[in-house]
């Protein structure tokens, strides 16, 4: 209820915390997402702050400028994206593979993803990001698992018109439809019971009534 944050794992140099410990001065957190040596969170007032390894290896907190009314933040390998209440998506970090949805260079300041102003859900992993639009369509940008190159502008995923949620693990992407079914595409789908190397979404088994989905390296929940 307090919105406190607990972390565990590698902390500092040659130091591992096996038991969760509470981050100091962090209260009112609503949602959080972590990437390479950095984590960002949405707070109750819609602001976004990030925590990364500082001097001595211990966490240091910083405010992300230019993000207001945020409801979700997601992380890729070296980039982050935030979704605000109005449906606008802003991304920051590395842009080597178009993961900011902008042809310009990397940016420490969040920049809006062009032509995405009605997003309802957001996912990021690896060097890409995807958003569910109000219509139920899904658009993605950055380096796609089966693409020959990077997609700088947000491009629609073919055959998806009724998505409610989207998730990714960097190699595979899945949507939960408004009816509760699951459809996936990407490189490593065999472990999920779907044909591998699918450029277009295909049904995932006989799953029904699904509301939320999370993808790991070779598992899903």
C-alpha atoms as a PDB file:
ATOM      1  CA  UNK A   1       0.000   0.000   0.000  1.00  0.00           C
ATOM      2  CA  UNK A   2       2.902   2.380   0.621  1.00  0.00           C
ATOM      3  CA  UNK A   3       4.358   1.847  -2.853  1.00  0.00           C
ATOM      4  CA  UNK A   4       7.726   0.841  -1.416  1.00  0.00           C
ATOM      5  CA  UNK A   5      10.203  -1.057  -3.609  1.00  0.00           C
ATOM      6  CA  UNK A   6      12.210  -4.137  -2.696  1.00  0.00           C
ATOM      7  CA  UNK A   7      15.084  -5.481  -4.786  1.00  0.00           C
ATOM      8  CA  UNK A   8      17.506  -8.392  -4.730  1.00  0.00           C
ATOM      9  CA  UNK A   9      20.330  -9.801  -6.842  1.00  0.00           C
ATOM     10  CA  UNK A  10      23.671  -8.237  -7.827  1.00  0.00           C
ATOM     11  CA  UNK A  11      24.216  -4.971  -5.983  1.00  0.00           C
ATOM     12  CA  UNK A  12      27.499  -3.160  -6.225  1.00  0.00           C
ATOM     13  CA  UNK A  13      30.791  -4.828  -7.035  1.00  0.00           C
ATOM     14  CA  UNK A  14      31.026  -8.529  -6.164  1.00  0.00           C
ATOM     15  CA  UNK A  15      28.024  -8.258  -3.898  1.00  0.00           C
ATOM     16  CA  UNK A  16      24.777 -10.216  -4.160  1.00  0.00           C
ATOM     17  CA  UNK A  17      21.692  -9.673  -2.051  1.00  0.00           C
ATOM     18  CA  UNK A  18      19.862 -12.995  -1.819  1.00  0.00           C
ATOM     19  CA  UNK A  19      17.066 -11.508   0.292  1.00  0.00           C
ATOM     20  CA  UNK A  20      14.906  -8.567  -0.831  1.00  0.00           C
ATOM     21  CA  UNK A  21      15.921  -5.208   0.604  1.00  0.00           C
ATOM     22  CA  UNK A  22      13.899  -2.005   0.515  1.00  0.00           C
ATOM     23  CA  UNK A  23      15.169   0.886  -1.597  1.00  0.00           C
ATOM     24  CA  UNK A  24      15.457   4.018   0.535  1.00  0.00           C
ATOM     25  CA  UNK A  25      13.305   7.085  -0.208  1.00  0.00           C
ATOM     26  CA  UNK A  26      11.052   5.247  -2.672  1.00  0.00           C
ATOM     27  CA  UNK A  27       7.355   5.521  -1.869  1.00  0.00           C
ATOM     28  CA  UNK A  28       4.187   5.805  -3.938  1.00  0.00           C
ATOM     29  CA  UNK A  29       5.356   3.539  -6.754  1.00  0.00           C
ATOM     30  CA  UNK A  30       2.593   2.277  -9.051  1.00  0.00           C
ATOM     31  CA  UNK A  31       4.454   0.297 -11.738  1.00  0.00           C
ATOM     32  CA  UNK A  32       8.097  -0.520 -12.445  1.00  0.00           C
ATOM     33  CA  UNK A  33      10.319  -2.057 -15.110  1.00  0.00           C
ATOM     34  CA  UNK A  34      14.018  -2.927 -15.167  1.00  0.00           C
ATOM     35  CA  UNK A  35      16.714  -3.255 -17.818  1.00  0.00           C
ATOM     36  CA  UNK A  36      20.507  -3.494 -17.899  1.00  0.00           C
ATOM     37  CA  UNK A  37      21.671  -2.102 -14.521  1.00  0.00           C
ATOM     38  CA  UNK A  38      18.722   0.297 -14.404  1.00  0.00           C
ATOM     39  CA  UNK A  39      15.094   0.318 -13.307  1.00  0.00           C
ATOM     40  CA  UNK A  40      12.363   2.914 -13.794  1.00  0.00           C
ATOM     41  CA  UNK A  41       9.028   3.359 -12.082  1.00  0.00           C
ATOM     42  CA  UNK A  42       5.766   5.268 -12.435  1.00  0.00           C
ATOM     43  CA  UNK A  43       4.673   7.071  -9.289  1.00  0.00           C
ATOM     44  CA  UNK A  44       1.188   7.955  -8.088  1.00  0.00           C
ATOM     45  CA  UNK A  45       1.481  11.508  -9.428  1.00  0.00           C
ATOM     46  CA  UNK A  46       2.301  10.263 -12.945  1.00  0.00           C
ATOM     47  CA  UNK A  47       6.003  11.105 -12.767  1.00  0.00           C
ATOM     48  CA  UNK A  48       8.770   8.659 -13.710  1.00  0.00           C
ATOM     49  CA  UNK A  49      12.006   8.181 -11.781  1.00  0.00           C
ATOM     50  CA  UNK A  50      14.842   5.754 -12.458  1.00  0.00           C
ATOM     51  CA  UNK A  51      17.348   3.998 -10.227  1.00  0.00           C
ATOM     52  CA  UNK A  52      20.737   2.914 -11.489  1.00  0.00           C
ATOM     53  CA  UNK A  53      24.094   1.843 -10.122  1.00  0.00           C
ATOM     54  CA  UNK A  54      25.894   4.877  -8.745  1.00  0.00           C
ATOM     55  CA  UNK A  55      29.209   5.540  -7.079  1.00  0.00           C
ATOM     56  CA  UNK A  56      30.270   2.614  -4.948  1.00  0.00           C
ATOM     57  CA  UNK A  57      27.780   0.408  -6.778  1.00  0.00           C
ATOM     58  CA  UNK A  58      24.772   1.425  -4.704  1.00  0.00           C
ATOM     59  CA  UNK A  59      21.503   2.673  -6.234  1.00  0.00           C
ATOM     60  CA  UNK A  60      21.095   6.333  -7.168  1.00  0.00           C
ATOM     61  CA  UNK A  61      17.705   7.785  -8.064  1.00  0.00           C
ATOM     62  CA  UNK A  62      17.077  10.357 -10.814  1.00  0.00           C
ATOM     63  CA  UNK A  63      13.970  12.037 -12.234  1.00  0.00           C
ATOM     64  CA  UNK A  64      13.015  11.562 -15.904  1.00  0.00           C
ATOM     65  CA  UNK A  65      12.146  14.988 -17.360  1.00  0.00           C
ATOM     66  CA  UNK A  66       9.348  15.541 -19.839  1.00  0.00           C
ATOM     67  CA  UNK A  67       7.075  12.693 -18.707  1.00  0.00           C
ATOM     68  CA  UNK A  68       3.789  13.617 -17.026  1.00  0.00           C
ATOM     69  CA  UNK A  69       0.628  11.636 -16.296  1.00  0.00           C
ATOM     70  CA  UNK A  70       2.411   8.347 -16.964  1.00  0.00           C
ATOM     71  CA  UNK A  71       0.507   5.104 -16.381  1.00  0.00           C
ATOM     72  CA  UNK A  72       3.097   2.577 -17.596  1.00  0.00           C
ATOM     73  CA  UNK A  73       6.842   2.319 -18.149  1.00  0.00           C
ATOM     74  CA  UNK A  74       8.623  -0.525 -19.961  1.00  0.00           C
ATOM     75  CA  UNK A  75      12.252  -1.355 -20.609  1.00  0.00           C
ATOM     76  CA  UNK A  76      14.262  -2.850 -23.433  1.00  0.00           C
ATOM     77  CA  UNK A  77      17.941  -3.701 -23.451  1.00  0.00           C
ATOM     78  CA  UNK A  78      19.107  -0.081 -23.427  1.00  0.00           C
ATOM     79  CA  UNK A  79      15.950   1.965 -23.841  1.00  0.00           C
ATOM     80  CA  UNK A  80      12.787   2.817 -21.942  1.00  0.00           C
ATOM     81  CA  UNK A  81       9.310   3.900 -23.018  1.00  0.00           C
ATOM     82  CA  UNK A  82       6.488   5.474 -21.026  1.00  0.00           C
ATOM     83  CA  UNK A  83       2.774   5.627 -21.799  1.00  0.00           C
ATOM     84  CA  UNK A  84       0.734   8.587 -20.543  1.00  0.00           C
ATOM     85  CA  UNK A  85      -2.985   8.862 -19.803  1.00  0.00           C
ATOM     86  CA  UNK A  86      -3.638  10.470 -23.173  1.00  0.00           C
ATOM     87  CA  UNK A  87      -2.184   7.527 -25.097  1.00  0.00           C
ATOM     88  CA  UNK A  88       1.102   9.182 -26.098  1.00  0.00           C
ATOM     89  CA  UNK A  89       4.259   7.025 -25.964  1.00  0.00           C
ATOM     90  CA  UNK A  90       7.638   8.602 -25.199  1.00  0.00           C
ATOM     91  CA  UNK A  91      10.937   6.716 -25.393  1.00  0.00           C
ATOM     92  CA  UNK A  92      14.506   7.476 -24.374  1.00  0.00           C
ATOM     93  CA  UNK A  93      17.898   5.778 -24.319  1.00  0.00           C
ATOM     94  CA  UNK A  94      19.751   4.038 -27.141  1.00  0.00           C
ATOM     95  CA  UNK A  95      18.429   4.440 -30.697  1.00  0.00           C
ATOM     96  CA  UNK A  96      20.953   2.366 -32.623  1.00  0.00           C
ATOM     97  CA  UNK A  97      18.216   0.115 -33.998  1.00  0.00           C
ATOM     98  CA  UNK A  98      15.325   2.552 -34.100  1.00  0.00           C
ATOM     99  CA  UNK A  99      14.014   1.585 -30.676  1.00  0.00           C
ATOM    100  CA  UNK A 100      12.945   5.164 -29.907  1.00  0.00           C
ATOM    101  CA  UNK A 101      10.643   5.245 -32.930  1.00  0.00           C
ATOM    102  CA  UNK A 102      12.529   8.284 -34.162  1.00  0.00           C
ATOM    103  CA  UNK A 103      15.209   8.578 -36.891  1.00  0.00           C
ATOM    104  CA  UNK A 104      17.352  10.869 -34.745  1.00  0.00           C
ATOM    105  CA  UNK A 105      20.173   9.751 -32.465  1.00  0.00           C
ATOM    106  CA  UNK A 106      19.983   8.398 -28.921  1.00  0.00           C
ATOM    107  CA  UNK A 107      18.382  10.682 -26.371  1.00  0.00           C
ATOM    108  CA  UNK A 108      18.465  10.913 -22.587  1.00  0.00           C
ATOM    109  CA  UNK A 109      15.276  12.989 -22.797  1.00  0.00           C
ATOM    110  CA  UNK A 110      12.030  11.177 -23.695  1.00  0.00           C
ATOM    111  CA  UNK A 111      10.765  11.821 -27.229  1.00  0.00           C
ATOM    112  CA  UNK A 112       7.257  11.048 -28.544  1.00  0.00           C
ATOM    113  CA  UNK A 113       6.947   8.088 -30.896  1.00  0.00           C
ATOM    114  CA  UNK A 114       5.616   9.511 -34.150  1.00  0.00           C
ATOM    115  CA  UNK A 115       1.980   8.742 -35.026  1.00  0.00           C
ATOM    116  CA  UNK A 116       1.290   6.849 -31.779  1.00  0.00           C
ATOM    117  CA  UNK A 117      -1.136   8.967 -29.766  1.00  0.00           C
ATOM    118  CA  UNK A 118      -3.835   6.480 -28.780  1.00  0.00           C
ATOM    119  CA  UNK A 119      -1.884   3.659 -27.108  1.00  0.00           C
ATOM    120  CA  UNK A 120      -3.549   1.541 -24.436  1.00  0.00           C
ATOM    121  CA  UNK A 121      -0.760  -0.898 -23.534  1.00  0.00           C
ATOM    122  CA  UNK A 122       2.978  -1.047 -24.059  1.00  0.00           C
ATOM    123  CA  UNK A 123       5.797  -3.611 -24.185  1.00  0.00           C
ATOM    124  CA  UNK A 124       9.539  -3.426 -24.789  1.00  0.00           C
ATOM    125  CA  UNK A 125      12.381  -5.948 -24.861  1.00  0.00           C
ATOM    126  CA  UNK A 126      15.684  -6.316 -26.658  1.00  0.00           C
ATOM    127  CA  UNK A 127      15.917  -3.497 -29.213  1.00  0.00           C
ATOM    128  CA  UNK A 128      12.233  -2.973 -29.948  1.00  0.00           C
ATOM    129  CA  UNK A 129       8.926  -1.827 -28.494  1.00  0.00           C
ATOM    130  CA  UNK A 130       5.248  -2.409 -29.301  1.00  0.00           C
ATOM    131  CA  UNK A 131       2.000  -0.655 -28.414  1.00  0.00           C
ATOM    132  CA  UNK A 132      -1.670  -1.628 -28.496  1.00  0.00           C
ATOM    133  CA  UNK A 133      -3.757   1.112 -30.099  1.00  0.00           C
ATOM    134  CA  UNK A 134      -7.302   2.072 -29.140  1.00  0.00           C
ATOM    135  CA  UNK A 135      -8.595   0.209 -32.206  1.00  0.00           C
ATOM    136  CA  UNK A 136      -7.034  -3.067 -31.048  1.00  0.00           C
ATOM    137  CA  UNK A 137      -4.268  -2.884 -33.647  1.00  0.00           C
ATOM    138  CA  UNK A 138      -0.636  -3.345 -32.567  1.00  0.00           C
ATOM    139  CA  UNK A 139       2.302  -1.322 -33.848  1.00  0.00           C
ATOM    140  CA  UNK A 140       6.003  -2.058 -33.275  1.00  0.00           C
ATOM    141  CA  UNK A 141       9.265  -0.246 -33.914  1.00  0.00           C
ATOM    142  CA  UNK A 142      12.984  -0.984 -33.578  1.00  0.00           C
ATOM    143  CA  UNK A 143      14.778  -4.240 -34.392  1.00  0.00           C
ATOM    144  CA  UNK A 144      12.191  -6.970 -34.962  1.00  0.00           C
ATOM    145  CA  UNK A 145      13.149 -10.629 -34.350  1.00  0.00           C
ATOM    146  CA  UNK A 146      12.564 -11.812 -37.919  1.00  0.00           C
ATOM    147  CA  UNK A 147      13.245  -8.578 -39.796  1.00  0.00           C
ATOM    148  CA  UNK A 148      16.280  -8.046 -41.997  1.00  0.00           C
ATOM    149  CA  UNK A 149      16.789  -4.559 -40.560  1.00  0.00           C
ATOM    150  CA  UNK A 150      15.386  -2.081 -38.088  1.00  0.00           C
ATOM    151  CA  UNK A 151      11.989  -0.407 -38.344  1.00  0.00           C
ATOM    152  CA  UNK A 152      12.317   3.220 -37.262  1.00  0.00           C
ATOM    153  CA  UNK A 153       8.669   4.210 -37.679  1.00  0.00           C
ATOM    154  CA  UNK A 154       5.895   2.432 -35.803  1.00  0.00           C
ATOM    155  CA  UNK A 155       4.505  -0.240 -38.154  1.00  0.00           C
ATOM    156  CA  UNK A 156       1.331  -2.282 -37.802  1.00  0.00           C
ATOM    157  CA  UNK A 157       1.542  -5.992 -37.007  1.00  0.00           C
ATOM    158  CA  UNK A 158      -0.481  -7.779 -39.700  1.00  0.00           C
ATOM    159  CA  UNK A 159      -3.620  -9.632 -38.697  1.00  0.00           C
ATOM    160  CA  UNK A 160      -4.028  -8.090 -35.233  1.00  0.00           C
ATOM    161  CA  UNK A 161      -7.213  -6.058 -34.809  1.00  0.00           C
ATOM    162  CA  UNK A 162      -8.528  -6.925 -31.338  1.00  0.00           C
ATOM    163  CA  UNK A 163      -5.539  -6.800 -28.970  1.00  0.00           C
ATOM    164  CA  UNK A 164      -5.927  -5.796 -25.338  1.00  0.00           C
ATOM    165  CA  UNK A 165      -2.379  -6.494 -24.075  1.00  0.00           C
ATOM    166  CA  UNK A 166       1.039  -6.973 -25.666  1.00  0.00           C
ATOM    167  CA  UNK A 167       4.216  -8.525 -24.246  1.00  0.00           C
ATOM    168  CA  UNK A 168       7.687  -9.452 -25.512  1.00  0.00           C
ATOM    169  CA  UNK A 169      10.863 -11.223 -24.398  1.00  0.00           C
ATOM    170  CA  UNK A 170      13.066  -9.860 -27.186  1.00  0.00           C
ATOM    171  CA  UNK A 171      12.705 -12.852 -29.502  1.00  0.00           C
ATOM    172  CA  UNK A 172       8.988 -13.516 -29.276  1.00  0.00           C
ATOM    173  CA  UNK A 173       5.954 -11.251 -29.022  1.00  0.00           C
ATOM    174  CA  UNK A 174       2.417 -12.102 -27.960  1.00  0.00           C
ATOM    175  CA  UNK A 175      -0.906 -10.323 -27.692  1.00  0.00           C
ATOM    176  CA  UNK A 176      -3.848 -11.098 -25.464  1.00  0.00           C
ATOM    177  CA  UNK A 177      -7.008 -10.406 -27.431  1.00  0.00           C
ATOM    178  CA  UNK A 178     -10.108  -8.730 -26.065  1.00  0.00           C
ATOM    179  CA  UNK A 179     -11.757 -12.141 -26.110  1.00  0.00           C
ATOM    180  CA  UNK A 180      -9.030 -13.673 -23.917  1.00  0.00           C
ATOM    181  CA  UNK A 181      -7.129 -15.723 -26.506  1.00  0.00           C
ATOM    182  CA  UNK A 182      -3.369 -15.487 -27.119  1.00  0.00           C
ATOM    183  CA  UNK A 183      -1.562 -14.998 -30.430  1.00  0.00           C
ATOM    184  CA  UNK A 184       2.236 -14.989 -30.809  1.00  0.00           C
ATOM    185  CA  UNK A 185       4.955 -14.421 -33.376  1.00  0.00           C
ATOM    186  CA  UNK A 186       8.767 -14.424 -33.423  1.00  0.00           C
ATOM    187  CA  UNK A 187      11.745 -16.796 -33.422  1.00  0.00           C
ATOM    188  CA  UNK A 188      11.411 -19.215 -30.539  1.00  0.00           C
ATOM    189  CA  UNK A 189       7.769 -20.183 -30.435  1.00  0.00           C
ATOM    190  CA  UNK A 190       8.277 -23.972 -30.459  1.00  0.00           C
ATOM    191  CA  UNK A 191       8.547 -24.067 -26.658  1.00  0.00           C
ATOM    192  CA  UNK A 192       5.111 -22.398 -26.494  1.00  0.00           C
ATOM    193  CA  UNK A 193       3.474 -24.996 -28.709  1.00  0.00           C
ATOM    194  CA  UNK A 194       3.373 -22.752 -31.777  1.00  0.00           C
ATOM    195  CA  UNK A 195       5.311 -23.003 -35.060  1.00  0.00           C
ATOM    196  CA  UNK A 196       8.777 -21.367 -34.816  1.00  0.00           C
ATOM    197  CA  UNK A 197       9.919 -18.390 -36.889  1.00  0.00           C
ATOM    198  CA  UNK A 198       6.483 -16.927 -37.425  1.00  0.00           C
ATOM    199  CA  UNK A 199       6.409 -13.430 -38.910  1.00  0.00           C
ATOM    200  CA  UNK A 200       2.648 -13.218 -38.396  1.00  0.00           C
ATOM    201  CA  UNK A 201       0.724 -13.902 -35.161  1.00  0.00           C
ATOM    202  CA  UNK A 202      -0.595 -17.417 -34.679  1.00  0.00           C
ATOM    203  CA  UNK A 203      -2.838 -18.836 -31.911  1.00  0.00           C
ATOM    204  CA  UNK A 204      -1.085 -20.181 -28.830  1.00  0.00           C
ATOM    205  CA  UNK A 205      -2.646 -23.554 -28.075  1.00  0.00           C
ATOM    206  CA  UNK A 206      -6.126 -23.622 -26.614  1.00  0.00           C
ATOM    207  CA  UNK A 207      -5.667 -20.835 -24.073  1.00  0.00           C
ATOM    208  CA  UNK A 208      -8.873 -18.965 -23.327  1.00  0.00           C
ATOM    209  CA  UNK A 209      -9.991 -16.426 -20.769  1.00  0.00           C
ATOM    210  CA  UNK A 210      -6.501 -14.899 -20.485  1.00  0.00           C
ATOM    211  CA  UNK A 211      -6.290 -11.384 -19.029  1.00  0.00           C
ATOM    212  CA  UNK A 212      -2.533 -10.874 -18.524  1.00  0.00           C
ATOM    213  CA  UNK A 213       0.522 -12.580 -20.041  1.00  0.00           C
ATOM    214  CA  UNK A 214       4.244 -12.368 -19.273  1.00  0.00           C
ATOM    215  CA  UNK A 215       7.050 -13.817 -21.425  1.00  0.00           C
ATOM    216  CA  UNK A 216      10.414 -14.984 -20.082  1.00  0.00           C
ATOM    217  CA  UNK A 217      13.373 -16.379 -21.986  1.00  0.00           C
ATOM    218  CA  UNK A 218      11.736 -19.752 -22.636  1.00  0.00           C
ATOM    219  CA  UNK A 219       8.552 -19.696 -20.592  1.00  0.00           C
ATOM    220  CA  UNK A 220       5.288 -17.811 -20.298  1.00  0.00           C
ATOM    221  CA  UNK A 221       2.812 -17.170 -17.500  1.00  0.00           C
END
